[in-house]
Amino acid sequence: IHVFIAAASALVLSMALAVVAGNLGGRYLDMIPLKAISGAGFIAIGLWILVEHFRAS
């Protein structure tokens, strides 16, 4: 029963942290246009793939 209580408590705590982080993140993401965030992520992933490709060669 102790394992169940510990696992359930960990799940509740992690969900509470996710809700708080999502709430805070949502406030800051409203300030930045979503297209700028997705564009920067797309460029970052592309650069990472290029670096890994040439590093393996």
N, C-alpha and C. Protein backbone atom coordinates (compact mmCIF):
# COMPACT_ATOMS: atom_id res chain seq x y z
N ILE A 1 0.82 -1.20 0.00
CA ILE A 1 0.00 0.00 0.00
C ILE A 1 0.87 1.27 0.00
N HIS A 2 2.06 1.18 0.60
CA HIS A 2 2.95 2.34 0.65
C HIS A 2 3.42 2.74 -0.75
N VAL A 3 3.66 1.74 -1.58
CA VAL A 3 4.10 2.02 -2.95
C VAL A 3 3.00 2.74 -3.72
N PHE A 4 1.76 2.29 -3.53
CA PHE A 4 0.63 2.92 -4.21
C PHE A 4 0.47 4.37 -3.77
N ILE A 5 0.57 4.62 -2.48
CA ILE A 5 0.43 5.99 -1.97
C ILE A 5 1.54 6.88 -2.52
N ALA A 6 2.76 6.36 -2.55
CA ALA A 6 3.89 7.14 -3.07
C ALA A 6 3.70 7.43 -4.55
N ALA A 7 3.28 6.43 -5.32
CA ALA A 7 3.09 6.63 -6.76
C ALA A 7 1.95 7.61 -7.03
N ALA A 8 0.86 7.48 -6.29
CA ALA A 8 -0.27 8.39 -6.48
C ALA A 8 0.11 9.82 -6.09
N SER A 9 0.87 9.96 -5.02
CA SER A 9 1.31 11.29 -4.60
C SER A 9 2.23 11.92 -5.64
N ALA A 10 3.12 11.12 -6.21
CA ALA A 10 4.02 11.63 -7.24
C ALA A 10 3.23 12.07 -8.47
N LEU A 11 2.21 11.32 -8.83
CA LEU A 11 1.38 11.69 -9.98
C LEU A 11 0.64 13.00 -9.72
N VAL A 12 0.06 13.13 -8.55
CA VAL A 12 -0.67 14.35 -8.21
C VAL A 12 0.27 15.55 -8.20
N LEU A 13 1.45 15.39 -7.61
CA LEU A 13 2.41 16.49 -7.55
C LEU A 13 2.90 16.88 -8.94
N SER A 14 3.19 15.89 -9.79
CA SER A 14 3.67 16.21 -11.13
C SER A 14 2.58 16.90 -11.96
N MET A 15 1.33 16.50 -11.78
CA MET A 15 0.24 17.16 -12.50
C MET A 15 0.04 18.59 -12.00
N ALA A 16 0.18 18.80 -10.71
CA ALA A 16 0.05 20.16 -10.16
C ALA A 16 1.16 21.06 -10.70
N LEU A 17 2.38 20.54 -10.75
CA LEU A 17 3.49 21.32 -11.31
C LEU A 17 3.27 21.62 -12.79
N ALA A 18 2.72 20.66 -13.53
CA ALA A 18 2.45 20.87 -14.95
C ALA A 18 1.39 21.95 -15.15
N VAL A 19 0.38 21.96 -14.30
CA VAL A 19 -0.67 22.98 -14.41
C VAL A 19 -0.10 24.36 -14.12
N VAL A 20 0.71 24.47 -13.07
CA VAL A 20 1.32 25.76 -12.72
C VAL A 20 2.25 26.23 -13.84
N ALA A 21 3.09 25.33 -14.35
CA ALA A 21 4.02 25.69 -15.43
C ALA A 21 3.25 26.09 -16.69
N GLY A 22 2.19 25.38 -17.01
CA GLY A 22 1.39 25.72 -18.18
C GLY A 22 0.70 27.06 -18.04
N ASN A 23 0.23 27.34 -16.84
CA ASN A 23 -0.42 28.62 -16.60
C ASN A 23 0.56 29.77 -16.73
N LEU A 24 1.73 29.64 -16.14
CA LEU A 24 2.75 30.68 -16.25
C LEU A 24 3.27 30.80 -17.68
N GLY A 25 3.49 29.66 -18.33
CA GLY A 25 3.97 29.67 -19.71
C GLY A 25 2.97 30.30 -20.65
N GLY A 26 1.69 30.06 -20.40
CA GLY A 26 0.66 30.64 -21.25
C GLY A 26 0.64 32.15 -21.19
N ARG A 27 0.93 32.70 -20.04
CA ARG A 27 0.97 34.16 -19.91
C ARG A 27 2.10 34.75 -20.74
N TYR A 28 3.26 34.10 -20.72
CA TYR A 28 4.41 34.63 -21.45
C TYR A 28 4.34 34.34 -22.94
N LEU A 29 3.73 33.22 -23.31
CA LEU A 29 3.62 32.89 -24.73
C LEU A 29 2.64 33.81 -25.44
N ASP A 30 1.68 34.38 -24.69
CA ASP A 30 0.77 35.33 -25.32
C ASP A 30 1.49 36.59 -25.78
N MET A 31 2.60 36.89 -25.14
CA MET A 31 3.35 38.10 -25.50
C MET A 31 4.16 37.91 -26.77
N ILE A 32 4.54 36.68 -27.08
CA ILE A 32 5.37 36.38 -28.24
C ILE A 32 4.49 35.71 -29.30
N PRO A 33 4.53 36.18 -30.53
CA PRO A 33 3.72 35.53 -31.57
C PRO A 33 4.13 34.06 -31.76
N LEU A 34 3.14 33.22 -31.93
CA LEU A 34 3.39 31.79 -32.05
C LEU A 34 4.21 31.47 -33.30
N LYS A 35 4.03 32.23 -34.36
CA LYS A 35 4.80 31.98 -35.58
C LYS A 35 6.29 32.20 -35.36
N ALA A 36 6.65 33.17 -34.54
CA ALA A 36 8.07 33.42 -34.26
C ALA A 36 8.67 32.27 -33.46
N ILE A 37 7.91 31.74 -32.51
CA ILE A 37 8.40 30.61 -31.71
C ILE A 37 8.57 29.37 -32.59
N SER A 38 7.57 29.07 -33.40
CA SER A 38 7.66 27.88 -34.24
C SER A 38 8.75 28.04 -35.30
N GLY A 39 8.92 29.23 -35.83
CA GLY A 39 9.99 29.47 -36.81
C GLY A 39 11.37 29.29 -36.21
N ALA A 40 11.56 29.82 -35.01
CA ALA A 40 12.85 29.65 -34.34
C ALA A 40 13.12 28.19 -34.03
N GLY A 41 12.10 27.47 -33.62
CA GLY A 41 12.27 26.04 -33.36
C GLY A 41 12.61 25.27 -34.62
N PHE A 42 11.95 25.60 -35.72
CA PHE A 42 12.21 24.95 -37.00
C PHE A 42 13.65 25.18 -37.44
N ILE A 43 14.13 26.41 -37.32
CA ILE A 43 15.51 26.73 -37.69
C ILE A 43 16.49 26.01 -36.78
N ALA A 44 16.21 25.98 -35.49
CA ALA A 44 17.10 25.31 -34.53
C ALA A 44 17.21 23.82 -34.82
N ILE A 45 16.10 23.18 -35.12
CA ILE A 45 16.13 21.74 -35.43
C ILE A 45 16.88 21.51 -36.73
N GLY A 46 16.67 22.36 -37.73
CA GLY A 46 17.40 22.22 -38.99
C GLY A 46 18.89 22.37 -38.82
N LEU A 47 19.31 23.36 -38.03
CA LEU A 47 20.74 23.53 -37.77
C LEU A 47 21.32 22.34 -37.02
N TRP A 48 20.56 21.83 -36.07
CA TRP A 48 21.02 20.66 -35.30
C TRP A 48 21.21 19.45 -36.22
N ILE A 49 20.28 19.24 -37.13
CA ILE A 49 20.39 18.12 -38.07
C ILE A 49 21.62 18.30 -38.97
N LEU A 50 21.86 19.52 -39.45
CA LEU A 50 23.04 19.77 -40.28
C LEU A 50 24.33 19.53 -39.52
N VAL A 51 24.40 19.99 -38.29
CA VAL A 51 25.61 19.79 -37.48
C VAL A 51 25.85 18.31 -37.25
N GLU A 52 24.82 17.57 -36.92
CA GLU A 52 24.98 16.13 -36.69
C GLU A 52 25.38 15.41 -37.98
N HIS A 53 24.87 15.85 -39.11
CA HIS A 53 25.21 15.22 -40.39
C HIS A 53 26.70 15.41 -40.70
N PHE A 54 27.19 16.62 -40.55
CA PHE A 54 28.58 16.88 -40.89
C PHE A 54 29.54 16.38 -39.81
N ARG A 55 29.06 16.24 -38.59
CA ARG A 55 29.91 15.69 -37.53
C ARG A 55 30.14 14.19 -37.77
N ALA A 56 29.13 13.51 -38.29
CA ALA A 56 29.24 12.07 -38.54
C ALA A 56 30.13 11.77 -39.75
N SER A 57 30.29 12.72 -40.65
CA SER A 57 31.08 12.50 -41.87
C SER A 57 32.56 12.46 -41.58
